[in-house]
N, C-alpha and C. Protein backbone atom coordinates (compact mmCIF):
# COMPACT_ATOMS: atom_id res chain seq x y z
N LYS A 1 -10.28 19.46 21.81
CA LYS A 1 -11.17 18.67 21.41
C LYS A 1 -12.36 19.22 20.89
N ILE A 2 -12.99 19.07 19.90
CA ILE A 2 -14.59 19.90 19.35
C ILE A 2 -15.30 18.66 20.16
N GLY A 3 -16.63 19.05 20.73
CA GLY A 3 -17.35 18.11 21.39
C GLY A 3 -18.13 17.02 20.30
N THR A 4 -18.29 17.29 18.94
CA THR A 4 -18.46 16.55 18.08
C THR A 4 -17.65 15.15 17.75
N GLU A 5 -16.16 15.49 18.17
CA GLU A 5 -15.33 14.40 17.88
C GLU A 5 -14.91 13.23 18.96
N VAL A 6 -14.95 12.32 18.93
CA VAL A 6 -14.52 11.23 19.80
C VAL A 6 -13.34 11.50 20.49
N LYS A 7 -12.47 11.83 19.37
CA LYS A 7 -11.09 12.00 20.28
C LYS A 7 -10.42 13.40 19.93
N PRO A 8 -9.39 13.57 20.74
CA PRO A 8 -8.75 15.13 20.34
C PRO A 8 -8.23 15.00 18.94
N CYS A 9 -7.92 16.30 18.35
CA CYS A 9 -7.20 16.76 17.19
C CYS A 9 -6.28 17.32 17.38
N TYR A 10 -5.33 17.18 16.46
CA TYR A 10 -3.73 18.05 16.41
C TYR A 10 -4.13 18.91 15.53
N PHE A 11 -3.98 20.34 15.57
CA PHE A 11 -3.79 21.35 14.97
C PHE A 11 -2.41 22.16 15.14
N ASP A 12 -1.65 21.84 14.13
CA ASP A 12 -0.51 23.30 14.10
C ASP A 12 -0.87 24.83 14.00
N LEU A 13 -0.84 25.54 14.49
CA LEU A 13 -1.34 26.65 14.60
C LEU A 13 -0.88 28.00 13.85
N THR A 14 0.40 27.40 13.13
CA THR A 14 1.42 27.98 12.31
C THR A 14 1.37 27.67 11.12
N SER A 15 0.21 26.53 10.74
CA SER A 15 0.23 26.05 9.49
C SER A 15 -1.40 26.54 8.62
N PRO A 16 -1.18 27.18 7.81
CA PRO A 16 -2.35 27.79 7.22
C PRO A 16 -3.65 26.60 7.09
N HIS A 17 -2.83 25.56 6.68
CA HIS A 17 -3.77 23.95 6.28
C HIS A 17 -4.53 24.18 7.55
N TYR A 18 -3.78 23.93 8.51
CA TYR A 18 -4.13 23.08 9.64
C TYR A 18 -5.30 24.36 10.14
N VAL A 19 -5.00 25.21 10.28
CA VAL A 19 -5.93 26.58 10.55
C VAL A 19 -7.03 26.49 9.87
N GLY A 20 -6.80 26.32 8.62
CA GLY A 20 -8.12 25.86 7.41
C GLY A 20 -9.27 24.90 8.12
N VAL A 21 -8.87 23.60 8.24
CA VAL A 21 -9.04 22.67 8.71
C VAL A 21 -9.82 22.90 10.20
N LEU A 22 -9.12 23.61 11.20
CA LEU A 22 -9.67 23.67 12.32
C LEU A 22 -11.00 24.79 12.16
N CYS A 23 -11.07 25.85 11.22
CA CYS A 23 -11.98 26.94 11.11
C CYS A 23 -13.39 25.84 10.29
N THR A 24 -13.12 24.93 9.33
CA THR A 24 -14.20 24.37 9.03
C THR A 24 -14.50 23.65 10.03
N MET A 25 -13.78 22.73 10.72
CA MET A 25 -14.62 21.79 11.45
C MET A 25 -15.40 22.50 12.95
N LEU A 26 -14.96 23.84 13.29
CA LEU A 26 -15.65 24.54 14.04
C LEU A 26 -16.69 25.29 13.37
N ARG A 27 -17.01 25.57 12.26
CA ARG A 27 -18.11 25.99 11.56
C ARG A 27 -19.20 24.63 11.38
N THR A 28 -18.75 23.71 11.07
CA THR A 28 -19.38 22.63 10.92
C THR A 28 -20.07 22.09 12.28
N ALA A 29 -19.36 22.34 13.55
CA ALA A 29 -19.73 21.90 14.73
C ALA A 29 -20.76 22.45 15.30
N GLY A 30 -20.74 23.95 14.84
CA GLY A 30 -22.04 24.75 15.10
C GLY A 30 -21.61 25.08 16.57
N ASP A 31 -22.64 26.32 17.04
CA ASP A 31 -22.51 27.22 18.34
C ASP A 31 -22.79 26.51 19.19
N ASP A 32 -23.33 25.21 19.53
CA ASP A 32 -23.67 24.85 20.90
C ASP A 32 -22.54 23.76 21.22
N VAL A 33 -21.46 23.47 20.55
CA VAL A 33 -20.54 22.62 20.76
C VAL A 33 -19.22 22.80 21.53
N SER A 34 -19.11 22.07 22.15
CA SER A 34 -17.89 22.89 23.51
C SER A 34 -16.53 22.35 22.73
N VAL A 35 -15.58 23.12 23.02
CA VAL A 35 -14.39 23.18 22.31
C VAL A 35 -13.27 23.31 23.41
N VAL A 36 -12.42 22.36 23.71
CA VAL A 36 -11.60 22.39 24.74
C VAL A 36 -9.92 22.12 24.05
N ILE A 37 -9.01 23.41 24.52
CA ILE A 37 -8.06 23.52 23.63
C ILE A 37 -6.85 23.12 25.04
N GLY A 38 -5.99 21.79 24.36
CA GLY A 38 -5.01 21.52 25.37
C GLY A 38 -3.60 21.55 24.90
N GLU A 39 -2.65 21.25 25.60
CA GLU A 39 -1.24 21.18 24.99
C GLU A 39 -1.01 19.55 24.40
N ALA A 40 -0.27 19.31 23.20
CA ALA A 40 -0.35 17.99 22.80
C ALA A 40 1.10 17.54 23.70
N LEU A 41 0.75 16.24 24.10
CA LEU A 41 1.84 15.39 24.53
C LEU A 41 2.25 14.20 23.90
N PRO A 42 3.53 13.70 24.01
CA PRO A 42 4.66 14.00 24.11
C PRO A 42 5.01 15.25 23.17
N THR A 43 5.92 16.12 23.82
CA THR A 43 6.56 17.27 22.99
C THR A 43 7.51 16.32 21.82
N PRO A 44 8.11 17.68 21.11
CA PRO A 44 8.62 16.76 19.90
C PRO A 44 9.79 16.40 20.18
N GLU A 45 10.43 16.99 21.32
CA GLU A 45 11.69 16.40 21.63
C GLU A 45 11.42 14.62 22.27
N GLN A 46 10.59 14.33 22.48
CA GLN A 46 9.83 13.03 22.87
C GLN A 46 9.39 12.32 21.82
N ALA A 47 9.39 12.51 20.97
CA ALA A 47 8.86 11.94 19.68
C ALA A 47 9.94 10.28 19.61
N TRP A 48 9.32 9.32 18.94
CA TRP A 48 9.97 7.84 19.47
C TRP A 48 10.44 7.52 18.12
N VAL A 49 9.66 8.25 16.89
CA VAL A 49 10.42 7.33 15.62
C VAL A 49 11.19 8.19 14.92
N PRO A 50 12.51 7.83 14.92
CA PRO A 50 13.52 8.53 14.11
C PRO A 50 13.72 8.66 12.70
N ASP A 51 13.92 9.23 12.03
CA ASP A 51 14.45 8.83 10.69
C ASP A 51 15.94 8.77 10.69
N HIS A 52 16.60 8.67 9.32
CA HIS A 52 17.84 8.21 9.08
C HIS A 52 18.91 9.52 9.46
N ASP A 53 18.22 10.89 9.50
CA ASP A 53 19.00 11.84 9.73
C ASP A 53 18.92 12.42 11.45
N GLY A 54 17.90 11.36 12.04
CA GLY A 54 18.19 11.59 13.55
C GLY A 54 16.67 12.59 13.73
N ASN A 55 15.96 12.79 12.61
CA ASN A 55 14.52 13.95 12.90
C ASN A 55 13.66 12.55 13.68
N ARG A 56 12.92 13.46 14.30
CA ARG A 56 11.82 12.29 15.23
C ARG A 56 10.30 12.80 14.77
N TYR A 57 9.56 11.82 14.92
CA TYR A 57 8.20 12.05 14.21
C TYR A 57 7.44 11.29 15.50
N PHE A 58 5.74 12.15 15.12
CA PHE A 58 4.81 10.78 15.55
C PHE A 58 3.89 10.54 14.49
N SER A 59 2.87 9.52 15.08
CA SER A 59 2.16 8.81 14.02
C SER A 59 0.94 8.68 14.73
N GLU A 60 -0.23 9.01 14.38
CA GLU A 60 -1.41 8.13 15.02
C GLU A 60 -2.61 7.82 13.97
N LEU A 61 -3.07 6.60 14.02
CA LEU A 61 -3.72 5.74 13.07
C LEU A 61 -5.04 5.96 13.85
N ARG A 62 -6.11 6.38 12.90
CA ARG A 62 -7.52 6.55 13.40
C ARG A 62 -7.93 5.83 12.59
N LEU A 63 -8.96 4.43 13.05
CA LEU A 63 -9.81 3.88 12.21
C LEU A 63 -11.33 3.70 12.57
N GLN A 64 -11.95 3.45 12.01
CA GLN A 64 -13.28 3.68 12.32
C GLN A 64 -13.90 1.68 11.65
N ILE A 65 -14.37 1.43 12.83
CA ILE A 65 -14.40 -0.11 12.39
C ILE A 65 -15.93 -0.43 12.93
N THR A 66 -16.50 -1.07 11.96
CA THR A 66 -18.16 -1.24 12.21
C THR A 66 -18.08 -2.80 11.88
N ASP A 67 -19.25 -3.69 12.37
CA ASP A 67 -19.79 -4.89 12.20
C ASP A 67 -20.87 -5.15 11.43
N SER A 68 -20.93 -5.74 10.18
CA SER A 68 -21.76 -5.93 9.36
C SER A 68 -22.81 -6.60 9.81
N VAL A 69 -22.50 -7.56 10.67
CA VAL A 69 -23.79 -8.69 11.22
C VAL A 69 -24.01 -7.69 12.22
N PRO A 70 -25.69 -7.69 12.36
CA PRO A 70 -26.37 -7.06 13.49
C PRO A 70 -26.13 -7.65 14.90
N ALA A 71 -26.36 -7.01 16.21
CA ALA A 71 -26.39 -7.79 17.05
C ALA A 71 -27.00 -9.09 17.42
N GLY A 72 -26.73 -10.11 17.89
CA GLY A 72 -27.91 -11.04 18.04
C GLY A 72 -27.94 -11.68 16.63
N GLY A 73 -27.23 -11.38 15.59
CA GLY A 73 -27.35 -12.06 14.54
C GLY A 73 -26.37 -13.51 14.07
N GLY A 74 -26.04 -13.72 14.99
CA GLY A 74 -24.68 -14.74 15.09
C GLY A 74 -23.79 -14.66 13.97
N ARG A 75 -22.78 -15.74 13.76
CA ARG A 75 -21.67 -15.65 12.54
C ARG A 75 -21.70 -16.74 11.56
């Protein structure tokens, strides 16, 4: 987890694309931001979304929800 992020991010360090994204995030975050590396769980064998061939996948949906009405503004 990078200190500027609310949630942990997944990075596959065998993928040049993910490594590039990680490097960009680290450069953007700056020198004084903490970085915590942890194991992704569940494991690939524990993935629960199967396809027709029996391959299993994960999915994560990240949303940013904002309220356009100021606090105390009523509805």
